[in-house]
Amino acid sequence: MLIELAGVRLLTDPVLRGRLLHMRRVVPAVDPALLSGLGAVLISHMHHDHFDVPSLRLLERGATQLVVPAGSGRRAARRGFAKVIEVSAGDRTNLGAVGVLTVPAIHGGKRFPIGARTEALGYVIEAGGRRIYFAGDTDIFDGMTELGELDLALIPVWGWGPKLGEGHLDPERAAEALALLEPRIAVPIHWGTLFPRINRDRRRRLTQPPHEFAAAAARVAPAVDIRIVAPGEALDL
C-alpha cells in the first residue's frame, strides 16, 4: 500500500517485482514514478513476501527511512536506506508531519530458512486528525478494541495461496475484526497480486476473498463502509 497523508508518502511491505520464489505477479508492474519522494517504508514483519530485498533495491533509498521490527535492523541496515528505525509494539515514531504508532500483530515473524525471530507488527498512521491502521499480517487480538478512532483500516483478508496458515485473517475473521476496530472505512488487502503456479480455476478462487469479506462485514459490522480497491487502483479519502 502507498499511503499519502499530510504531504508524507509511506510505502508498506513492498513486493514490486514480477516473481517471488514460486509466485508470479498477475497484475501490471508498479509505475516507478508513483514511488518517488517516499518518506519511509514500513515493514510489518520479515517474511519474504513482506521484506523483499530485490523490491527494496528498486526504491529511491537515499532520502527514505526504513522502519522495521526490533531485531531486524542489522539485516535492514545493509539495504542502503538513509536511516533504519527499529520499533516494537507501543513505540511512537515521527516521520516528518506524520506520527506512527506501532501496534501488535498475531503472526510469526521469523525469516526462513534462517533468521532471528522478531515481532510481527501493525502500524497506526496519524496526521491532521486522520488515523489509518495498516494491519500487516495478523489474526484477531484483544488490543484491537484499544486502537482508538480509525478513519481507515487496511485489513488482510487472504494470502497468496489456496489455503491460509496460522496468524492470518480469512474473510469471515477479517469481518469480525472490524466489529472490534470500528473504523469509518475498511479496505481489504493482501489478495490478488501474487499467485503460485496453480490452475485457472483455483486462481479465480484467490480473487473472491475481498467480496466474501464485504458480504460478511455487511452482517457483522454494517456501519463500516467497505471499499474494494483492486491492485493498481487508488482511493481518495
Protein backbone atom coordinates (compact mmCIF):
# COMPACT_ATOMS: atom_id res chain seq x y z
CA MET A 1 0.00 0.00 0.00
CA LEU A 2 1.17 3.53 -0.82
CA ILE A 3 -0.28 5.92 1.77
CA GLU A 4 -0.14 9.68 1.30
CA LEU A 5 -1.00 11.74 4.37
CA ALA A 6 -0.06 15.31 5.34
CA GLY A 7 2.42 15.50 2.47
CA VAL A 8 4.27 12.33 3.55
CA ARG A 9 4.37 9.22 1.35
CA LEU A 10 4.64 5.87 3.12
CA LEU A 11 5.01 2.50 1.40
CA THR A 12 4.13 -0.72 3.21
CA ASP A 13 5.73 -4.16 2.72
CA PRO A 14 6.61 -3.61 -0.97
CA VAL A 15 6.73 -6.54 -3.39
CA LEU A 16 7.32 -4.87 -6.76
CA ARG A 17 8.93 -7.48 -8.98
CA GLY A 18 7.35 -9.99 -11.32
CA ARG A 19 8.32 -13.13 -9.44
CA LEU A 20 8.85 -14.05 -5.79
CA LEU A 21 10.02 -17.60 -5.12
CA HIS A 22 7.32 -19.84 -6.70
CA MET A 23 4.81 -16.99 -7.02
CA ARG A 24 4.10 -14.86 -10.08
CA ARG A 25 2.81 -11.31 -10.20
CA VAL A 26 -0.52 -11.32 -12.06
CA VAL A 27 -1.21 -7.58 -12.13
CA PRO A 28 0.71 -4.85 -14.00
CA ALA A 29 4.05 -3.69 -12.67
CA VAL A 30 4.09 -0.57 -10.50
CA ASP A 31 4.95 2.67 -12.31
CA PRO A 32 8.27 3.80 -10.76
CA ALA A 33 7.06 7.41 -10.86
CA LEU A 34 4.45 6.53 -8.23
CA LEU A 35 7.22 5.57 -5.82
CA SER A 36 9.26 8.76 -5.99
CA GLY A 37 9.59 11.03 -2.99
CA LEU A 38 8.97 8.38 -0.35
CA GLY A 39 9.33 9.47 3.25
CA ALA A 40 9.53 5.97 4.67
CA VAL A 41 8.93 2.29 4.07
CA LEU A 42 7.06 0.43 6.83
CA ILE A 43 7.87 -3.28 7.20
CA SER A 44 5.37 -5.27 9.25
CA HIS A 45 7.48 -8.45 9.52
CA MET A 46 10.38 -10.21 7.89
CA HIS A 47 8.68 -12.93 5.83
CA HIS A 48 9.86 -12.97 2.21
CA ASP A 49 6.55 -11.65 0.85
CA HIS A 50 6.77 -8.59 3.14
CA PHE A 51 10.50 -7.85 3.38
CA ASP A 52 11.59 -8.43 -0.22
CA VAL A 53 15.17 -7.28 -0.72
CA PRO A 54 15.10 -7.02 -4.56
CA SER A 55 11.99 -4.83 -4.30
CA LEU A 56 13.67 -2.56 -1.75
CA ARG A 57 16.57 -2.10 -4.18
CA LEU A 58 14.14 -0.63 -6.73
CA LEU A 59 13.29 2.30 -4.44
CA GLU A 60 14.96 5.68 -4.06
CA ARG A 61 16.72 4.88 -0.79
CA GLY A 62 19.00 7.87 -0.27
CA ALA A 63 16.38 10.04 1.44
CA THR A 64 13.98 7.29 2.54
CA GLN A 65 13.72 5.88 6.06
CA LEU A 66 13.09 2.18 6.66
CA VAL A 67 11.02 1.16 9.69
CA VAL A 68 11.43 -2.49 10.75
CA PRO A 69 10.59 -4.71 13.73
CA ALA A 70 13.12 -4.66 16.56
CA GLY A 71 15.85 -7.22 15.96
CA SER A 72 15.75 -6.73 12.18
CA GLY A 73 17.86 -3.60 11.99
CA ARG A 74 21.17 -5.30 11.25
CA ARG A 75 19.72 -7.11 8.25
CA ALA A 76 17.90 -3.98 7.09
CA ALA A 77 20.89 -1.66 7.51
CA ARG A 78 22.66 -3.26 4.55
CA ARG A 79 19.96 -2.09 2.11
CA GLY A 80 21.20 1.48 1.62
CA PHE A 81 18.37 3.44 3.22
CA ALA A 82 19.02 6.87 4.70
CA LYS A 83 18.02 5.68 8.17
CA VAL A 84 16.82 2.40 9.67
CA ILE A 85 14.46 2.62 12.64
CA GLU A 86 13.74 -0.45 14.78
CA VAL A 87 10.37 -0.44 16.56
CA SER A 88 8.36 -2.59 18.94
CA ALA A 89 4.66 -2.61 19.81
CA GLY A 90 3.82 0.56 21.74
CA ASP A 91 6.53 2.72 20.16
CA ARG A 92 5.68 6.07 18.56
CA THR A 93 7.79 7.39 15.69
CA ASN A 94 7.67 10.74 13.91
CA LEU A 95 8.16 10.62 10.13
CA GLY A 96 8.01 14.24 9.08
CA ALA A 97 4.49 15.54 9.68
CA VAL A 98 3.19 12.02 10.29
CA GLY A 99 3.19 10.10 13.55
CA VAL A 100 3.31 6.30 13.52
CA LEU A 101 2.13 4.18 16.44
CA THR A 102 3.44 0.61 16.34
CA VAL A 103 0.85 -1.95 17.41
CA PRO A 104 0.89 -5.74 17.93
CA ALA A 105 0.11 -8.40 15.36
CA ILE A 106 -0.54 -12.10 15.91
CA HIS A 107 1.69 -13.69 13.30
CA GLY A 108 5.06 -15.45 13.14
CA GLY A 109 7.89 -13.04 12.43
CA LYS A 110 10.86 -15.34 11.80
CA ARG A 111 12.55 -15.09 8.41
CA PHE A 112 13.07 -18.54 6.89
CA PRO A 113 15.14 -20.60 6.39
CA ILE A 114 17.44 -18.74 8.79
CA GLY A 115 16.97 -15.50 10.63
CA ALA A 116 16.22 -14.08 14.04
CA ARG A 117 12.73 -14.49 15.43
CA THR A 118 11.30 -10.98 15.51
CA GLU A 119 7.90 -9.47 16.20
CA ALA A 120 5.20 -9.08 13.61
CA LEU A 121 3.69 -5.61 13.85
CA GLY A 122 0.98 -3.31 12.58
CA TYR A 123 1.03 0.46 12.31
CA VAL A 124 -1.44 3.28 13.03
CA ILE A 125 -0.51 6.31 10.93
CA GLU A 126 -1.67 9.68 12.27
CA ALA A 127 -1.71 13.26 10.96
CA GLY A 128 -4.13 16.17 10.89
CA GLY A 129 -6.74 14.30 12.90
CA ARG A 130 -6.74 11.36 10.44
CA ARG A 131 -5.82 7.85 11.58
CA ILE A 132 -5.07 4.89 9.27
CA TYR A 133 -4.46 1.35 10.52
CA PHE A 134 -2.24 -0.95 8.47
CA ALA A 135 -2.56 -4.42 9.97
CA GLY A 136 0.28 -6.23 8.18
CA ASP A 137 -0.41 -9.95 8.66
CA THR A 138 -2.34 -10.79 11.81
CA ASP A 139 -5.08 -12.76 13.45
CA ILE A 140 -7.59 -11.09 15.77
CA PHE A 141 -6.10 -9.83 19.03
CA ASP A 142 -7.74 -8.31 22.12
CA GLY A 143 -5.95 -4.98 21.70
CA MET A 144 -7.90 -4.25 18.53
CA THR A 145 -10.52 -2.61 20.72
CA GLU A 146 -7.88 -0.22 22.10
CA LEU A 147 -6.51 1.25 18.86
CA GLY A 148 -8.82 4.26 19.11
CA GLU A 149 -10.86 6.01 16.47
CA LEU A 150 -9.87 4.99 12.93
CA ASP A 151 -10.74 6.67 9.65
CA LEU A 152 -9.41 3.77 7.57
CA ALA A 153 -8.44 0.17 8.31
CA LEU A 154 -6.34 -1.75 5.77
CA ILE A 155 -7.27 -5.34 6.63
CA PRO A 156 -5.70 -8.52 5.20
CA VAL A 157 -8.40 -10.93 4.04
CA TRP A 158 -6.34 -13.72 2.47
CA GLY A 159 -2.82 -14.56 1.27
CA TRP A 160 -1.07 -15.78 -1.86
CA GLY A 161 -2.14 -19.45 -1.88
CA PRO A 162 -5.30 -21.55 -1.91
CA LYS A 163 -5.03 -22.12 1.87
CA LEU A 164 -4.17 -19.97 4.88
CA GLY A 165 -1.85 -20.85 7.73
CA GLU A 166 -1.99 -19.64 11.31
CA GLY A 167 -1.77 -15.93 12.00
CA HIS A 168 -3.91 -14.81 9.08
CA LEU A 169 -7.41 -13.41 8.68
CA ASP A 170 -9.81 -15.06 6.25
CA PRO A 171 -12.83 -13.05 5.04
CA GLU A 172 -15.06 -14.05 7.97
CA ARG A 173 -12.40 -13.40 10.62
CA ALA A 174 -11.46 -10.11 8.97
CA ALA A 175 -15.10 -9.03 9.21
CA GLU A 176 -15.11 -10.00 12.89
CA ALA A 177 -12.03 -7.81 13.35
CA LEU A 178 -13.99 -4.84 12.01
CA ALA A 179 -16.52 -5.28 14.80
CA LEU A 180 -13.63 -4.69 17.23
CA LEU A 181 -11.85 -1.94 15.30
CA GLU A 182 -14.96 0.02 14.23
CA PRO A 183 -13.21 2.06 11.51
CA ARG A 184 -15.12 4.51 9.34
CA ILE A 185 -13.85 2.83 6.15
CA ALA A 186 -12.18 -0.54 5.57
CA VAL A 187 -10.20 -1.70 2.54
CA PRO A 188 -9.41 -5.43 2.15
CA ILE A 189 -5.75 -6.06 1.29
CA HIS A 190 -3.33 -8.98 0.82
CA TRP A 191 -5.11 -10.61 -2.11
CA GLY A 192 -4.92 -10.82 -5.89
CA THR A 193 -1.36 -9.66 -6.62
CA LEU A 194 0.78 -12.81 -6.39
CA PHE A 195 -0.38 -16.30 -7.30
CA PRO A 196 1.53 -19.59 -7.12
CA ARG A 197 1.59 -21.93 -10.10
CA ILE A 198 -1.93 -23.34 -9.83
CA ASN A 199 -4.66 -23.98 -12.37
CA ARG A 200 -7.02 -21.26 -13.56
CA ASP A 201 -10.00 -22.46 -11.51
CA ARG A 202 -8.03 -22.19 -8.29
CA ARG A 203 -6.65 -18.81 -9.36
CA ARG A 204 -10.20 -17.49 -9.64
CA ARG A 205 -10.69 -18.54 -6.04
CA LEU A 206 -7.95 -16.13 -4.98
CA THR A 207 -9.90 -13.13 -6.32
CA GLN A 208 -13.01 -13.86 -4.25
CA PRO A 209 -11.87 -13.06 -0.67
CA PRO A 210 -12.49 -9.27 -0.79
CA HIS A 211 -16.04 -9.83 -1.98
CA GLU A 212 -16.63 -12.52 0.66
CA PHE A 213 -15.22 -10.08 3.23
CA ALA A 214 -17.61 -7.33 2.11
CA ALA A 215 -20.58 -9.69 2.42
CA ALA A 216 -19.50 -10.84 5.89
CA ALA A 217 -18.84 -7.26 7.03
CA ALA A 218 -22.36 -6.27 5.97
CA ARG A 219 -23.64 -8.81 8.50
CA VAL A 220 -21.33 -8.28 11.48
CA ALA A 221 -20.13 -4.66 11.06
CA PRO A 222 -22.80 -2.94 8.94
CA ALA A 223 -21.75 0.56 9.99
CA VAL A 224 -18.33 0.21 8.30
CA ASP A 225 -18.03 1.48 4.73
CA ILE A 226 -16.26 -1.26 2.73
CA ARG A 227 -14.25 -0.17 -0.32
CA ILE A 228 -12.73 -2.86 -2.53
CA VAL A 229 -9.62 -1.42 -4.20
CA ALA A 230 -8.01 -3.76 -6.71
CA PRO A 231 -4.20 -3.87 -7.07
CA GLY A 232 -3.16 -0.78 -9.01
CA GLU A 233 -6.24 1.27 -8.07
CA ALA A 234 -6.38 4.22 -5.68
CA LEU A 235 -8.76 5.54 -3.04
CA ASP A 236 -9.07 9.24 -2.21
CA LEU A 237 -10.28 9.94 1.32
